[in-house]
C-alpha cells in the first residue's frame, strides 16, 4: 500500500494526519444538507482540507505504517521521507500530483501549493453506506390553477331534493321506542329477581355446609408415630464466663466459636457495666460450676465464675 492509502485509512479515525515534511490533512464535519441544484438530500460527511504549515512529525503516520507493513519505526520514517521527495519532484516537473482517495495538489503561477479534495469519498464512519436521496418539489400552485380552470369551464350546480312528507313514520318510530323502553324495564326487574334468588340460595347452601362440618368426625386409620424430643435447657445461677464484650456482635461470634468446639455456650445478656457476657455453661450448684471452670482454665486463663444474684 502507498503512503496515501495509509493516510486515507487514518482519516476515518483522526481529524488530523500529518505527512512529515509536506503538510497536514485535516477533516471537519458537515451536517446533512439539501442541494437545490441537484434537488437531493445528502448525508453528513467529513470534508478534507490541507494545511502546509503543519509539517513536524507527530509519529501517528509512521507508527501506523510500521504496524501495517511490519517495519521498524526508523524504516517507516525513511519510507515517508522518500515518498515526500517523490511528491516534490513530481510537482516541480508536472505542476500537479494526484493522491488516491485524497485529492489533487497543484502549483499556481506563483508556485503556491493548492489542494483540491475529492468529493466522492466520505470519511465519516457514521454515514457509511448512505447515499444522496433525490427529492423533487411538489408543484401545488400548478395543480390549484388547473382545478380553478376546470371549475370555470364546467361549473357544478346543486339543486335541493324534494322529499315527500310521511307523517306515519314519525308515529311508528315513537311506538318502537316505547316498546323498547318497556322491554328494557321488564328485563331489569327480572334480572334483579334472579340475582336475589341466587344470593338467598347461596346463603342457604353455606349454612348447611357449616352444620355438616361441625357434625363431622374424622377417623385416621394409620396415625403418625409420636416423636419425643429431649431438649436440654440450661439453668442455674452459677455461670462459667468465657468473656465479656463491648460490642454485642462480637459476643454472638464467640458463642458460635465455642459451640463449634463442643461447649454449651450461650449469651446471657448485658451486665451493669455495659458488657455483653458469654458463658461456657450454667449450673445449679457451685461445685458443678467450679469443676467446669477448672476444665476451661486449661485453654482460657481469663475464664471466671459468675454467681447470679436472685
C-alpha atoms as a PDB file:
ATOM      1  CA  UNK A   1       0.000   0.000   0.000  1.00  0.00           C
ATOM      2  CA  UNK A   2       1.123   3.550  -0.688  1.00  0.00           C
ATOM      3  CA  UNK A   3       1.552   6.245   1.905  1.00  0.00           C
ATOM      4  CA  UNK A   4      -1.559   7.965   0.522  1.00  0.00           C
ATOM      5  CA  UNK A   5      -3.626   4.846   1.266  1.00  0.00           C
ATOM      6  CA  UNK A   6      -2.389   4.813   4.856  1.00  0.00           C
ATOM      7  CA  UNK A   7      -3.277   8.495   5.234  1.00  0.00           C
ATOM      8  CA  UNK A   8      -6.756   7.748   3.871  1.00  0.00           C
ATOM      9  CA  UNK A   9      -7.235   4.955   6.413  1.00  0.00           C
ATOM     10  CA  UNK A  10      -6.226   7.199   9.316  1.00  0.00           C
ATOM     11  CA  UNK A  11      -8.595   9.988   8.278  1.00  0.00           C
ATOM     12  CA  UNK A  12     -11.550   7.735   9.115  1.00  0.00           C
ATOM     13  CA  UNK A  13     -10.438   7.758  12.764  1.00  0.00           C
ATOM     14  CA  UNK A  14      -8.496  11.002  13.244  1.00  0.00           C
ATOM     15  CA  UNK A  15      -9.197  14.622  12.413  1.00  0.00           C
ATOM     16  CA  UNK A  16      -5.549  15.464  11.657  1.00  0.00           C
ATOM     17  CA  UNK A  17      -2.950  13.320   9.880  1.00  0.00           C
ATOM     18  CA  UNK A  18       0.467  14.911   9.252  1.00  0.00           C
ATOM     19  CA  UNK A  19       2.633  13.899   6.311  1.00  0.00           C
ATOM     20  CA  UNK A  20       6.040  14.874   7.777  1.00  0.00           C
ATOM     21  CA  UNK A  21       7.930  17.405   5.653  1.00  0.00           C
ATOM     22  CA  UNK A  22       4.909  18.097   3.433  1.00  0.00           C
ATOM     23  CA  UNK A  23       1.807  19.173   5.398  1.00  0.00           C
ATOM     24  CA  UNK A  24      -1.267  18.034   7.311  1.00  0.00           C
ATOM     25  CA  UNK A  25      -4.611  16.665   6.117  1.00  0.00           C
ATOM     26  CA  UNK A  26      -7.483  17.960   8.237  1.00  0.00           C
ATOM     27  CA  UNK A  27     -11.117  16.863   8.389  1.00  0.00           C
ATOM     28  CA  UNK A  28     -14.180  18.725   9.617  1.00  0.00           C
ATOM     29  CA  UNK A  29     -17.747  17.502   9.838  1.00  0.00           C
ATOM     30  CA  UNK A  30     -20.523  18.766   7.602  1.00  0.00           C
ATOM     31  CA  UNK A  31     -24.157  18.160   8.521  1.00  0.00           C
ATOM     32  CA  UNK A  32     -26.711  16.625   6.190  1.00  0.00           C
ATOM     33  CA  UNK A  33     -27.911  19.172   3.640  1.00  0.00           C
ATOM     34  CA  UNK A  34     -30.201  19.736   0.681  1.00  0.00           C
ATOM     35  CA  UNK A  35     -28.773  20.834  -2.681  1.00  0.00           C
ATOM     36  CA  UNK A  36     -31.255  22.900  -4.698  1.00  0.00           C
ATOM     37  CA  UNK A  37     -29.320  22.452  -7.936  1.00  0.00           C
ATOM     38  CA  UNK A  38     -29.404  18.663  -7.858  1.00  0.00           C
ATOM     39  CA  UNK A  39     -32.660  18.584  -5.825  1.00  0.00           C
ATOM     40  CA  UNK A  40     -31.344  15.922  -3.473  1.00  0.00           C
ATOM     41  CA  UNK A  41     -30.624  15.378   0.214  1.00  0.00           C
ATOM     42  CA  UNK A  42     -27.021  14.475   1.046  1.00  0.00           C
ATOM     43  CA  UNK A  43     -25.927  12.609   4.231  1.00  0.00           C
ATOM     44  CA  UNK A  44     -23.461  14.096   6.731  1.00  0.00           C
ATOM     45  CA  UNK A  45     -19.802  13.759   5.784  1.00  0.00           C
ATOM     46  CA  UNK A  46     -16.216  14.658   6.657  1.00  0.00           C
ATOM     47  CA  UNK A  47     -14.623  17.218   4.363  1.00  0.00           C
ATOM     48  CA  UNK A  48     -10.851  17.288   3.800  1.00  0.00           C
ATOM     49  CA  UNK A  49      -8.620  20.329   3.841  1.00  0.00           C
ATOM     50  CA  UNK A  50      -4.833  20.779   3.745  1.00  0.00           C
ATOM     51  CA  UNK A  51      -2.514  22.873   5.918  1.00  0.00           C
ATOM     52  CA  UNK A  52       1.050  23.229   4.606  1.00  0.00           C
ATOM     53  CA  UNK A  53       2.290  24.776   7.883  1.00  0.00           C
ATOM     54  CA  UNK A  54       1.976  21.556   9.921  1.00  0.00           C
ATOM     55  CA  UNK A  55       4.994  19.521   8.820  1.00  0.00           C
ATOM     56  CA  UNK A  56       6.533  18.270  12.057  1.00  0.00           C
ATOM     57  CA  UNK A  57       6.416  14.506  12.570  1.00  0.00           C
ATOM     58  CA  UNK A  58       3.964  13.588  15.347  1.00  0.00           C
ATOM     59  CA  UNK A  59       4.574   9.836  14.981  1.00  0.00           C
ATOM     60  CA  UNK A  60       0.998   8.918  14.042  1.00  0.00           C
ATOM     61  CA  UNK A  61       1.572   8.080  10.383  1.00  0.00           C
ATOM     62  CA  UNK A  62       4.989   6.467  10.960  1.00  0.00           C
ATOM     63  CA  UNK A  63       3.699   4.191  13.725  1.00  0.00           C
ATOM     64  CA  UNK A  64       0.705   3.189  11.617  1.00  0.00           C
ATOM     65  CA  UNK A  65       2.895   2.311   8.615  1.00  0.00           C
ATOM     66  CA  UNK A  66       5.345   0.386  10.822  1.00  0.00           C
ATOM     67  CA  UNK A  67       2.492  -1.687  12.270  1.00  0.00           C
ATOM     68  CA  UNK A  68       0.682  -2.225   8.945  1.00  0.00           C
ATOM     69  CA  UNK A  69       3.751  -3.184   6.895  1.00  0.00           C
ATOM     70  CA  UNK A  70       5.707  -4.916   9.691  1.00  0.00           C
ATOM     71  CA  UNK A  71       8.562  -2.378   9.614  1.00  0.00           C
ATOM     72  CA  UNK A  72      10.661  -0.804  12.301  1.00  0.00           C
ATOM     73  CA  UNK A  73       9.848   2.775  13.221  1.00  0.00           C
ATOM     74  CA  UNK A  74      13.050   4.230  11.612  1.00  0.00           C
ATOM     75  CA  UNK A  75      12.335   2.279   8.400  1.00  0.00           C
ATOM     76  CA  UNK A  76       8.786   3.674   8.329  1.00  0.00           C
ATOM     77  CA  UNK A  77      10.099   7.226   8.795  1.00  0.00           C
ATOM     78  CA  UNK A  78      12.602   6.710   5.962  1.00  0.00           C
ATOM     79  CA  UNK A  79       9.863   5.426   3.605  1.00  0.00           C
ATOM     80  CA  UNK A  80       7.817   8.566   4.340  1.00  0.00           C
ATOM     81  CA  UNK A  81      10.797  10.809   3.540  1.00  0.00           C
ATOM     82  CA  UNK A  82      11.296   9.041   0.194  1.00  0.00           C
ATOM     83  CA  UNK A  83       7.601   9.440  -0.621  1.00  0.00           C
ATOM     84  CA  UNK A  84       7.669  13.187   0.141  1.00  0.00           C
ATOM     85  CA  UNK A  85      10.749  13.683  -2.039  1.00  0.00           C
ATOM     86  CA  UNK A  86       8.993  11.973  -4.961  1.00  0.00           C
ATOM     87  CA  UNK A  87       5.941  14.209  -4.494  1.00  0.00           C
ATOM     88  CA  UNK A  88       8.011  17.350  -4.530  1.00  0.00           C
ATOM     89  CA  UNK A  89       9.941  16.240  -7.641  1.00  0.00           C
ATOM     90  CA  UNK A  90       6.713  15.444  -9.477  1.00  0.00           C
ATOM     91  CA  UNK A  91       5.230  18.810  -8.530  1.00  0.00           C
ATOM     92  CA  UNK A  92       8.270  20.608  -9.901  1.00  0.00           C
ATOM     93  CA  UNK A  93       8.100  18.692 -13.166  1.00  0.00           C
ATOM     94  CA  UNK A  94       4.351  18.451 -13.835  1.00  0.00           C
ATOM     95  CA  UNK A  95       2.973  21.198 -11.533  1.00  0.00           C
ATOM     96  CA  UNK A  96       0.385  18.789 -10.181  1.00  0.00           C
ATOM     97  CA  UNK A  97       0.117  15.389  -8.458  1.00  0.00           C
ATOM     98  CA  UNK A  98      -2.895  13.266  -7.507  1.00  0.00           C
ATOM     99  CA  UNK A  99      -3.118  11.303  -4.261  1.00  0.00           C
ATOM    100  CA  UNK A 100      -5.534   8.385  -4.297  1.00  0.00           C
ATOM    101  CA  UNK A 101      -8.761   8.978  -2.276  1.00  0.00           C
ATOM    102  CA  UNK A 102      -7.391  12.332  -1.054  1.00  0.00           C
ATOM    103  CA  UNK A 103      -7.274  14.884  -3.845  1.00  0.00           C
ATOM    104  CA  UNK A 104      -5.059  16.769  -6.309  1.00  0.00           C
ATOM    105  CA  UNK A 105      -2.138  19.057  -5.435  1.00  0.00           C
ATOM    106  CA  UNK A 106      -1.078  21.703  -7.946  1.00  0.00           C
ATOM    107  CA  UNK A 107       1.195  24.757  -8.189  1.00  0.00           C
ATOM    108  CA  UNK A 108      -0.243  28.010  -9.464  1.00  0.00           C
ATOM    109  CA  UNK A 109       1.633  30.628 -11.454  1.00  0.00           C
ATOM    110  CA  UNK A 110       3.235  31.937  -8.261  1.00  0.00           C
ATOM    111  CA  UNK A 111       4.404  28.431  -7.210  1.00  0.00           C
ATOM    112  CA  UNK A 112       1.913  28.357  -4.345  1.00  0.00           C
ATOM    113  CA  UNK A 113       0.694  24.849  -3.436  1.00  0.00           C
ATOM    114  CA  UNK A 114      -3.054  24.345  -3.829  1.00  0.00           C
ATOM    115  CA  UNK A 115      -5.219  21.377  -2.879  1.00  0.00           C
ATOM    116  CA  UNK A 116      -8.487  20.175  -4.411  1.00  0.00           C
ATOM    117  CA  UNK A 117     -10.028  17.391  -2.246  1.00  0.00           C
ATOM    118  CA  UNK A 118     -12.021  14.503  -3.668  1.00  0.00           C
ATOM    119  CA  UNK A 119     -15.781  14.787  -3.200  1.00  0.00           C
ATOM    120  CA  UNK A 120     -16.713  11.129  -3.665  1.00  0.00           C
ATOM    121  CA  UNK A 121     -15.017   9.808  -0.514  1.00  0.00           C
ATOM    122  CA  UNK A 122     -16.854  10.251   2.801  1.00  0.00           C
ATOM    123  CA  UNK A 123     -14.560   9.745   5.812  1.00  0.00           C
ATOM    124  CA  UNK A 124     -17.452   9.831   8.320  1.00  0.00           C
ATOM    125  CA  UNK A 125     -17.912   6.259   9.561  1.00  0.00           C
ATOM    126  CA  UNK A 126     -21.380   7.038  10.937  1.00  0.00           C
ATOM    127  CA  UNK A 127     -22.617   7.723   7.394  1.00  0.00           C
ATOM    128  CA  UNK A 128     -21.080   4.598   5.872  1.00  0.00           C
ATOM    129  CA  UNK A 129     -23.290   3.223   3.098  1.00  0.00           C
ATOM    130  CA  UNK A 130     -25.544   6.287   2.912  1.00  0.00           C
ATOM    131  CA  UNK A 131     -26.083   7.954  -0.448  1.00  0.00           C
ATOM    132  CA  UNK A 132     -27.962  11.027  -1.615  1.00  0.00           C
ATOM    133  CA  UNK A 133     -31.748  10.912  -1.826  1.00  0.00           C
ATOM    134  CA  UNK A 134     -33.433  12.729  -4.728  1.00  0.00           C
ATOM    135  CA  UNK A 135     -36.319  14.987  -3.735  1.00  0.00           C
ATOM    136  CA  UNK A 136     -38.404  16.855  -6.307  1.00  0.00           C
ATOM    137  CA  UNK A 137     -40.504  19.833  -5.283  1.00  0.00           C
ATOM    138  CA  UNK A 138     -44.305  19.441  -5.117  1.00  0.00           C
ATOM    139  CA  UNK A 139     -45.998  21.821  -7.588  1.00  0.00           C
ATOM    140  CA  UNK A 140     -49.072  22.714  -5.551  1.00  0.00           C
ATOM    141  CA  UNK A 141     -49.795  26.054  -7.278  1.00  0.00           C
ATOM    142  CA  UNK A 142     -49.917  24.462 -10.722  1.00  0.00           C
ATOM    143  CA  UNK A 143     -52.480  21.879  -9.623  1.00  0.00           C
ATOM    144  CA  UNK A 144     -54.550  24.567  -7.912  1.00  0.00           C
ATOM    145  CA  UNK A 145     -54.659  26.716 -11.046  1.00  0.00           C
ATOM    146  CA  UNK A 146     -55.676  23.718 -13.152  1.00  0.00           C
ATOM    147  CA  UNK A 147     -58.511  22.936 -10.758  1.00  0.00           C
ATOM    148  CA  UNK A 148     -59.731  26.553 -10.876  1.00  0.00           C
ATOM    149  CA  UNK A 149     -59.737  26.481 -14.679  1.00  0.00           C
ATOM    150  CA  UNK A 150     -61.823  23.290 -14.668  1.00  0.00           C
ATOM    151  CA  UNK A 151     -64.346  24.867 -12.298  1.00  0.00           C
ATOM    152  CA  UNK A 152     -64.707  27.887 -14.571  1.00  0.00           C
ATOM    153  CA  UNK A 153     -65.303  25.722 -17.638  1.00  0.00           C
ATOM    154  CA  UNK A 154     -67.771  23.300 -16.048  1.00  0.00           C
ATOM    155  CA  UNK A 155     -69.491  24.869 -13.039  1.00  0.00           C
ATOM    156  CA  UNK A 156     -71.381  22.468 -10.815  1.00  0.00           C
ATOM    157  CA  UNK A 157     -74.871  23.460  -9.557  1.00  0.00           C
ATOM    158  CA  UNK A 158     -76.526  21.793  -6.618  1.00  0.00           C
ATOM    159  CA  UNK A 159     -80.337  21.558  -6.536  1.00  0.00           C
ATOM    160  CA  UNK A 160     -82.152  20.614  -3.335  1.00  0.00           C
ATOM    161  CA  UNK A 161     -84.054  17.304  -3.470  1.00  0.00           C
ATOM    162  CA  UNK A 162     -87.692  17.363  -2.586  1.00  0.00           C
ATOM    163  CA  UNK A 163     -88.876  14.560  -0.376  1.00  0.00           C
ATOM    164  CA  UNK A 164     -92.457  13.514   0.267  1.00  0.00           C
ATOM    165  CA  UNK A 165     -93.711  14.039   3.773  1.00  0.00           C
ATOM    166  CA  UNK A 166     -94.611  10.801   5.544  1.00  0.00           C
ATOM    167  CA  UNK A 167     -96.090  11.635   8.987  1.00  0.00           C
ATOM    168  CA  UNK A 168     -96.952   7.999   9.817  1.00  0.00           C
ATOM    169  CA  UNK A 169     -93.239   7.129  10.028  1.00  0.00           C
ATOM    170  CA  UNK A 170     -92.852   9.500  12.955  1.00  0.00           C
ATOM    171  CA  UNK A 171     -95.602   7.767  14.948  1.00  0.00           C
ATOM    172  CA  UNK A 172     -94.179   4.348  14.130  1.00  0.00           C
ATOM    173  CA  UNK A 173     -90.771   5.385  15.463  1.00  0.00           C
ATOM    174  CA  UNK A 174     -92.351   6.631  18.707  1.00  0.00           C
ATOM    175  CA  UNK A 175     -94.152   3.302  19.146  1.00  0.00           C
ATOM    176  CA  UNK A 176     -90.976   1.293  18.606  1.00  0.00           C
ATOM    177  CA  UNK A 177     -89.106   3.439  21.125  1.00  0.00           C
ATOM    178  CA  UNK A 178     -91.865   2.973  23.742  1.00  0.00           C
ATOM    179  CA  UNK A 179     -91.811  -0.814  23.286  1.00  0.00           C
ATOM    180  CA  UNK A 180     -88.037  -0.888  23.630  1.00  0.00           C
ATOM    181  CA  UNK A 181     -88.121   1.092  26.908  1.00  0.00           C
ATOM    182  CA  UNK A 182     -90.830  -1.105  28.400  1.00  0.00           C
ATOM    183  CA  UNK A 183     -88.939  -4.263  27.421  1.00  0.00           C
ATOM    184  CA  UNK A 184     -85.748  -2.914  28.967  1.00  0.00           C
ATOM    185  CA  UNK A 185     -87.547  -2.090  32.229  1.00  0.00           C
ATOM    186  CA  UNK A 186     -89.025  -5.596  32.411  1.00  0.00           C
ATOM    187  CA  UNK A 187     -85.658  -7.140  31.757  1.00  0.00           C
ATOM    188  CA  UNK A 188     -84.071  -5.150  34.611  1.00  0.00           C
ATOM    189  CA  UNK A 189     -86.816  -6.269  37.050  1.00  0.00           C
ATOM    190  CA  UNK A 190     -86.361  -9.921  36.052  1.00  0.00           C
ATOM    191  CA  UNK A 191     -82.584  -9.662  36.370  1.00  0.00           C
ATOM    192  CA  UNK A 192     -82.876  -8.237  39.893  1.00  0.00           C
ATOM    193  CA  UNK A 193     -85.196 -11.050  40.942  1.00  0.00           C
ATOM    194  CA  UNK A 194     -82.788 -13.695  39.618  1.00  0.00           C
ATOM    195  CA  UNK A 195     -79.896 -12.073  41.499  1.00  0.00           C
ATOM    196  CA  UNK A 196     -81.826 -12.004  44.791  1.00  0.00           C
ATOM    197  CA  UNK A 197     -82.803 -15.644  44.360  1.00  0.00           C
ATOM    198  CA  UNK A 198     -79.191 -16.713  43.685  1.00  0.00           C
ATOM    199  CA  UNK A 199     -77.902 -14.874  46.772  1.00  0.00           C
ATOM    200  CA  UNK A 200     -80.532 -16.493  49.009  1.00  0.00           C
ATOM    201  CA  UNK A 201     -79.766 -19.983  47.695  1.00  0.00           C
ATOM    202  CA  UNK A 202     -76.032 -19.460  48.169  1.00  0.00           C
ATOM    203  CA  UNK A 203     -76.504 -18.382  51.791  1.00  0.00           C
ATOM    204  CA  UNK A 204     -78.667 -21.436  52.490  1.00  0.00           C
ATOM    205  CA  UNK A 205     -76.078 -23.778  50.956  1.00  0.00           C
ATOM    206  CA  UNK A 206     -73.284 -22.237  53.039  1.00  0.00           C
ATOM    207  CA  UNK A 207     -75.341 -22.646  56.231  1.00  0.00           C
ATOM    208  CA  UNK A 208     -75.944 -26.353  55.531  1.00  0.00           C
ATOM    209  CA  UNK A 209     -72.266 -26.887  54.784  1.00  0.00           C
ATOM    210  CA  UNK A 210     -71.207 -25.308  58.097  1.00  0.00           C
ATOM    211  CA  UNK A 211     -73.616 -27.583  60.025  1.00  0.00           C
ATOM    212  CA  UNK A 212     -72.223 -30.700  58.321  1.00  0.00           C
ATOM    213  CA  UNK A 213     -68.644 -29.632  59.057  1.00  0.00           C
ATOM    214  CA  UNK A 214     -69.466 -29.148  62.765  1.00  0.00           C
ATOM    215  CA  UNK A 215     -71.162 -32.575  63.000  1.00  0.00           C
ATOM    216  CA  UNK A 216     -68.427 -34.447  61.101  1.00  0.00           C
ATOM    217  CA  UNK A 217     -65.909 -36.654  62.906  1.00  0.00           C
ATOM    218  CA  UNK A 218     -62.576 -37.587  61.410  1.00  0.00           C
ATOM    219  CA  UNK A 219     -61.121 -41.069  61.899  1.00  0.00           C
ATOM    220  CA  UNK A 220     -57.464 -41.685  60.957  1.00  0.00           C
ATOM    221  CA  UNK A 221     -56.712 -45.388  60.454  1.00  0.00           C
ATOM    222  CA  UNK A 222     -52.920 -45.064  60.451  1.00  0.00           C
ATOM    223  CA  UNK A 223     -51.896 -42.300  62.848  1.00  0.00           C
ATOM    224  CA  UNK A 224     -48.363 -40.984  62.658  1.00  0.00           C
ATOM    225  CA  UNK A 225     -45.979 -42.222  65.374  1.00  0.00           C
ATOM    226  CA  UNK A 226     -45.257 -39.923  68.238  1.00  0.00           C
ATOM    227  CA  UNK A 227     -41.901 -38.187  68.287  1.00  0.00           C
ATOM    228  CA  UNK A 228     -40.261 -37.350  71.572  1.00  0.00           C
ATOM    229  CA  UNK A 229     -37.557 -34.720  71.546  1.00  0.00           C
ATOM    230  CA  UNK A 230     -35.294 -34.191  74.504  1.00  0.00           C
ATOM    231  CA  UNK A 231     -34.344 -30.558  74.807  1.00  0.00           C
ATOM    232  CA  UNK A 232     -31.888 -29.686  77.484  1.00  0.00           C
ATOM    233  CA  UNK A 233     -32.366 -26.178  78.747  1.00  0.00           C
ATOM    234  CA  UNK A 234     -29.524 -24.756  80.725  1.00  0.00           C
ATOM    235  CA  UNK A 235     -30.495 -23.287  84.073  1.00  0.00           C
ATOM    236  CA  UNK A 236     -28.807 -22.327  87.263  1.00  0.00           C
ATOM    237  CA  UNK A 237     -27.300 -19.302  88.925  1.00  0.00           C
ATOM    238  CA  UNK A 238     -23.653 -20.373  88.623  1.00  0.00           C
ATOM    239  CA  UNK A 239     -22.141 -19.430  85.244  1.00  0.00           C
ATOM    240  CA  UNK A 240     -18.680 -20.166  83.855  1.00  0.00           C
ATOM    241  CA  UNK A 241     -17.955 -16.971  81.917  1.00  0.00           C
ATOM    242  CA  UNK A 242     -15.825 -17.119  78.772  1.00  0.00           C
ATOM    243  CA  UNK A 243     -15.674 -13.368  78.217  1.00  0.00           C
ATOM    244  CA  UNK A 244     -17.466 -10.026  78.206  1.00  0.00           C
ATOM    245  CA  UNK A 245     -17.542  -7.801  75.095  1.00  0.00           C
ATOM    246  CA  UNK A 246     -18.286  -4.174  74.479  1.00  0.00           C
ATOM    247  CA  UNK A 247     -19.907  -4.984  71.092  1.00  0.00           C
ATOM    248  CA  UNK A 248     -22.841  -7.418  71.142  1.00  0.00           C
ATOM    249  CA  UNK A 249     -21.976  -8.809  67.712  1.00  0.00           C
ATOM    250  CA  UNK A 250     -18.593  -9.952  68.995  1.00  0.00           C
ATOM    251  CA  UNK A 251     -20.332 -11.779  71.839  1.00  0.00           C
ATOM    252  CA  UNK A 252     -22.520 -13.747  69.412  1.00  0.00           C
ATOM    253  CA  UNK A 253     -19.476 -14.604  67.343  1.00  0.00           C
ATOM    254  CA  UNK A 254     -17.814 -16.005  70.475  1.00  0.00           C
ATOM    255  CA  UNK A 255     -20.898 -18.154  71.165  1.00  0.00           C
ATOM    256  CA  UNK A 256     -20.675 -19.628  67.680  1.00  0.00           C
ATOM    257  CA  UNK A 257     -16.966 -20.324  68.126  1.00  0.00           C
ATOM    258  CA  UNK A 258     -17.407 -22.082  71.493  1.00  0.00           C
ATOM    259  CA  UNK A 259     -20.312 -24.202  70.253  1.00  0.00           C
ATOM    260  CA  UNK A 260     -18.147 -25.348  67.357  1.00  0.00           C
ATOM    261  CA  UNK A 261     -15.633 -26.540  69.955  1.00  0.00           C
ATOM    262  CA  UNK A 262     -18.325 -28.606  71.690  1.00  0.00           C
ATOM    263  CA  UNK A 263     -19.308 -26.286  74.571  1.00  0.00           C
ATOM    264  CA  UNK A 264     -22.912 -25.465  75.528  1.00  0.00           C
ATOM    265  CA  UNK A 265     -22.134 -21.789  75.232  1.00  0.00           C
ATOM    266  CA  UNK A 266     -24.793 -19.114  75.271  1.00  0.00           C
ATOM    267  CA  UNK A 267     -25.272 -15.366  75.524  1.00  0.00           C
ATOM    268  CA  UNK A 268     -26.708 -14.285  78.896  1.00  0.00           C
ATOM    269  CA  UNK A 269     -27.122 -10.573  78.221  1.00  0.00           C
ATOM    270  CA  UNK A 270     -25.561  -7.273  79.254  1.00  0.00           C
ATOM    271  CA  UNK A 271     -24.187  -6.614  82.733  1.00  0.00           C
ATOM    272  CA  UNK A 272     -24.351  -3.355  84.675  1.00  0.00           C
ATOM    273  CA  UNK A 273     -21.083  -2.192  83.121  1.00  0.00           C
ATOM    274  CA  UNK A 274     -22.491  -2.373  79.584  1.00  0.00           C
ATOM    275  CA  UNK A 275     -20.544  -5.536  78.650  1.00  0.00           C
ATOM    276  CA  UNK A 276     -22.165  -8.453  76.790  1.00  0.00           C
ATOM    277  CA  UNK A 277     -21.397 -11.724  78.591  1.00  0.00           C
ATOM    278  CA  UNK A 278     -20.825 -15.174  77.056  1.00  0.00           C
ATOM    279  CA  UNK A 279     -20.719 -18.308  79.241  1.00  0.00           C
ATOM    280  CA  UNK A 280     -19.387 -21.794  78.643  1.00  0.00           C
ATOM    281  CA  UNK A 281     -22.242 -23.282  80.655  1.00  0.00           C
ATOM    282  CA  UNK A 282     -24.645 -22.653  83.549  1.00  0.00           C
ATOM    283  CA  UNK A 283     -25.058 -24.929  86.624  1.00  0.00           C
ATOM    284  CA  UNK A 284     -27.430 -25.486  89.559  1.00  0.00           C
ATOM    285  CA  UNK A 285     -24.643 -25.919  92.157  1.00  0.00           C
ATOM    286  CA  UNK A 286     -21.390 -24.159  92.847  1.00  0.00           C
ATOM    287  CA  UNK A 287     -19.467 -27.460  92.817  1.00  0.00           C
ATOM    288  CA  UNK A 288     -20.534 -28.294  89.233  1.00  0.00           C
ATOM    289  CA  UNK A 289     -19.581 -24.788  88.092  1.00  0.00           C
ATOM    290  CA  UNK A 290     -16.146 -24.943  89.791  1.00  0.00           C
ATOM    291  CA  UNK A 291     -15.389 -28.313  88.196  1.00  0.00           C
ATOM    292  CA  UNK A 292     -16.263 -26.890  84.780  1.00  0.00           C
ATOM    293  CA  UNK A 293     -14.162 -23.782  85.481  1.00  0.00           C
ATOM    294  CA  UNK A 294     -11.077 -25.938  86.187  1.00  0.00           C
ATOM    295  CA  UNK A 295     -11.534 -27.656  82.799  1.00  0.00           C
ATOM    296  CA  UNK A 296     -11.845 -24.476  80.725  1.00  0.00           C
ATOM    297  CA  UNK A 297      -8.990 -22.781  82.586  1.00  0.00           C
ATOM    298  CA  UNK A 298      -6.634 -25.080  80.737  1.00  0.00           C
ATOM    299  CA  UNK A 299      -7.424 -23.301  77.460  1.00  0.00           C
ATOM    300  CA  UNK A 300      -8.700 -19.936  78.728  1.00  0.00           C
ATOM    301  CA  UNK A 301      -6.981 -18.362  81.748  1.00  0.00           C
ATOM    302  CA  UNK A 302      -9.401 -15.446  81.612  1.00  0.00           C
ATOM    303  CA  UNK A 303     -12.485 -17.527  82.431  1.00  0.00           C
ATOM    304  CA  UNK A 304     -14.186 -16.866  85.773  1.00  0.00           C
ATOM    305  CA  UNK A 305     -17.163 -17.910  87.878  1.00  0.00           C
ATOM    306  CA  UNK A 306     -20.225 -15.661  87.925  1.00  0.00           C
ATOM    307  CA  UNK A 307     -22.830 -16.141  90.671  1.00  0.00           C
ATOM    308  CA  UNK A 308     -26.100 -14.583  89.588  1.00  0.00           C
ATOM    309  CA  UNK A 309     -27.973 -12.948  92.434  1.00  0.00           C
ATOM    310  CA  UNK A 310     -31.660 -13.648  92.875  1.00  0.00           C
END
